[in-house]
């Protein structure tokens, strides 16, 4: 599956951004998708994840609960991350991930579970 992110940028603290990830590939590979972020000071962190098909399940990292919202438009094959109340510590490269070998354990915040990654989109909060 191929993933292409967009929507990153530079914003002031308290601002908002919406990230998008267009996914192409078989439908199974797109059932469990997630957003990760990484900065030079931190390891790659699972931010939010979603499993769809026969209902949906969602995971959020504690650091973004109440501020970020993950959603998926299956018709458009697009994953979104709405980010409100952005903080300086949200700065980083944001990656879309998909293509898990098994849906057991989804939604997952473990980077090793995902086989496909986008190129990333930079988010800078000042």
Protein backbone atom coordinates (compact mmCIF):
# COMPACT_ATOMS: atom_id res chain seq x y z
CA UNK A 1 0.00 0.00 0.00
CA UNK A 2 1.23 3.50 -0.81
CA UNK A 3 0.67 6.37 1.59
CA UNK A 4 0.99 10.09 0.89
CA UNK A 5 0.65 12.60 3.71
CA UNK A 6 -0.10 16.29 3.48
CA UNK A 7 -1.31 19.16 5.64
CA UNK A 8 1.70 19.86 7.81
CA UNK A 9 2.97 23.37 8.42
CA UNK A 10 4.03 25.94 10.96
CA UNK A 11 1.54 27.25 13.50
CA UNK A 12 1.56 29.10 16.78
CA UNK A 13 0.79 27.31 19.99
CA UNK A 14 -2.95 26.89 20.38
CA UNK A 15 -3.51 26.67 16.66
CA UNK A 16 -4.88 23.84 14.54
CA UNK A 17 -3.84 21.73 11.60
CA UNK A 18 -5.46 18.86 9.73
CA UNK A 19 -3.25 16.16 8.31
CA UNK A 20 -4.37 13.93 5.46
CA UNK A 21 -3.06 10.60 4.24
CA UNK A 22 -4.22 9.19 0.94
CA UNK A 23 -3.86 5.43 0.78
CA UNK A 24 -3.80 3.22 -2.28
CA UNK A 25 -3.73 -0.54 -2.15
CA UNK A 26 -5.94 -3.41 -1.15
CA UNK A 27 -8.75 -2.76 1.30
CA UNK A 28 -7.41 -5.16 3.96
CA UNK A 29 -4.18 -3.18 4.18
CA UNK A 30 -6.19 -0.05 4.97
CA UNK A 31 -8.33 -1.46 7.78
CA UNK A 32 -5.83 -0.65 10.52
CA UNK A 33 -4.09 2.69 10.10
CA UNK A 34 -2.33 5.11 12.36
CA UNK A 35 -0.42 8.33 12.79
CA UNK A 36 3.05 8.42 14.32
CA UNK A 37 5.34 11.32 14.99
CA UNK A 38 9.05 11.69 15.54
CA UNK A 39 11.34 14.51 16.56
CA UNK A 40 15.14 14.55 16.88
CA UNK A 41 14.81 14.40 20.66
CA UNK A 42 12.29 11.53 20.84
CA UNK A 43 11.67 8.07 19.50
CA UNK A 44 8.87 7.49 17.04
CA UNK A 45 5.61 7.72 18.97
CA UNK A 46 2.18 6.36 18.10
CA UNK A 47 -0.19 9.32 18.24
CA UNK A 48 -3.50 7.87 17.11
CA UNK A 49 -4.74 4.73 15.40
CA UNK A 50 -8.00 3.51 13.96
CA UNK A 51 -9.46 0.20 12.87
CA UNK A 52 -12.45 0.26 10.54
CA UNK A 53 -14.78 -2.29 9.04
CA UNK A 54 -17.71 -3.69 10.99
CA UNK A 55 -17.51 -0.80 13.44
CA UNK A 56 -14.42 1.13 14.41
CA UNK A 57 -11.95 1.24 17.26
CA UNK A 58 -9.69 4.15 18.06
CA UNK A 59 -6.54 4.66 20.10
CA UNK A 60 -5.04 7.95 21.26
CA UNK A 61 -1.81 8.56 23.07
CA UNK A 62 -2.39 10.19 26.44
CA UNK A 63 -0.47 13.25 25.28
CA UNK A 64 -3.04 14.06 22.57
CA UNK A 65 -6.34 12.91 24.08
CA UNK A 66 -8.97 15.62 23.90
CA UNK A 67 -6.96 17.62 21.34
CA UNK A 68 -6.47 15.33 18.34
CA UNK A 69 -9.11 13.44 16.38
CA UNK A 70 -8.38 10.61 13.96
CA UNK A 71 -10.90 9.76 11.28
CA UNK A 72 -11.10 7.86 8.03
CA UNK A 73 -13.05 8.42 4.86
CA UNK A 74 -13.24 5.01 3.26
CA UNK A 75 -14.84 6.34 0.09
CA UNK A 76 -11.88 8.69 -0.43
CA UNK A 77 -9.29 6.22 0.92
CA UNK A 78 -8.08 9.00 3.17
CA UNK A 79 -6.99 9.05 6.81
CA UNK A 80 -7.17 12.32 8.72
CA UNK A 81 -5.71 13.73 11.90
CA UNK A 82 -7.38 16.88 13.17
CA UNK A 83 -5.03 18.57 15.60
CA UNK A 84 -6.37 21.32 17.85
CA UNK A 85 -4.76 23.12 20.76
CA UNK A 86 -1.32 22.46 19.36
CA UNK A 87 1.63 22.69 21.73
CA UNK A 88 5.34 23.21 21.16
CA UNK A 89 5.91 19.59 22.17
CA UNK A 90 3.70 18.44 19.26
CA UNK A 91 6.44 19.53 16.87
CA UNK A 92 7.78 16.73 14.73
CA UNK A 93 7.53 14.77 11.52
CA UNK A 94 4.18 13.05 11.28
CA UNK A 95 3.89 9.74 9.47
CA UNK A 96 0.92 7.75 8.28
CA UNK A 97 1.19 3.97 8.64
CA UNK A 98 -0.82 1.00 7.38
CA UNK A 99 -0.59 -2.60 6.27
CA UNK A 100 -0.59 -4.76 9.36
CA UNK A 101 -0.10 -8.51 9.01
CA UNK A 102 -2.97 -9.27 11.39
CA UNK A 103 -5.87 -7.14 12.62
CA UNK A 104 -5.54 -8.78 16.04
CA UNK A 105 -4.28 -6.09 18.35
CA UNK A 106 -5.52 -3.20 16.19
CA UNK A 107 -5.71 -0.30 16.63
CA UNK A 108 -2.02 -0.45 17.40
CA UNK A 109 0.51 2.17 18.45
CA UNK A 110 3.45 -0.16 17.87
CA UNK A 111 5.53 0.94 14.88
CA UNK A 112 6.70 -2.61 14.24
CA UNK A 113 3.16 -3.73 13.48
CA UNK A 114 2.98 -1.64 10.31
CA UNK A 115 4.50 -2.58 6.99
CA UNK A 116 3.87 0.58 4.99
CA UNK A 117 4.77 4.16 5.79
CA UNK A 118 4.35 7.53 4.14
CA UNK A 119 7.15 10.00 3.59
CA UNK A 120 6.01 12.21 6.46
CA UNK A 121 4.77 15.76 6.82
CA UNK A 122 6.44 18.29 9.13
CA UNK A 123 4.50 19.99 11.90
CA UNK A 124 6.18 22.89 13.68
CA UNK A 125 4.55 24.62 16.63
CA UNK A 126 6.11 27.73 18.10
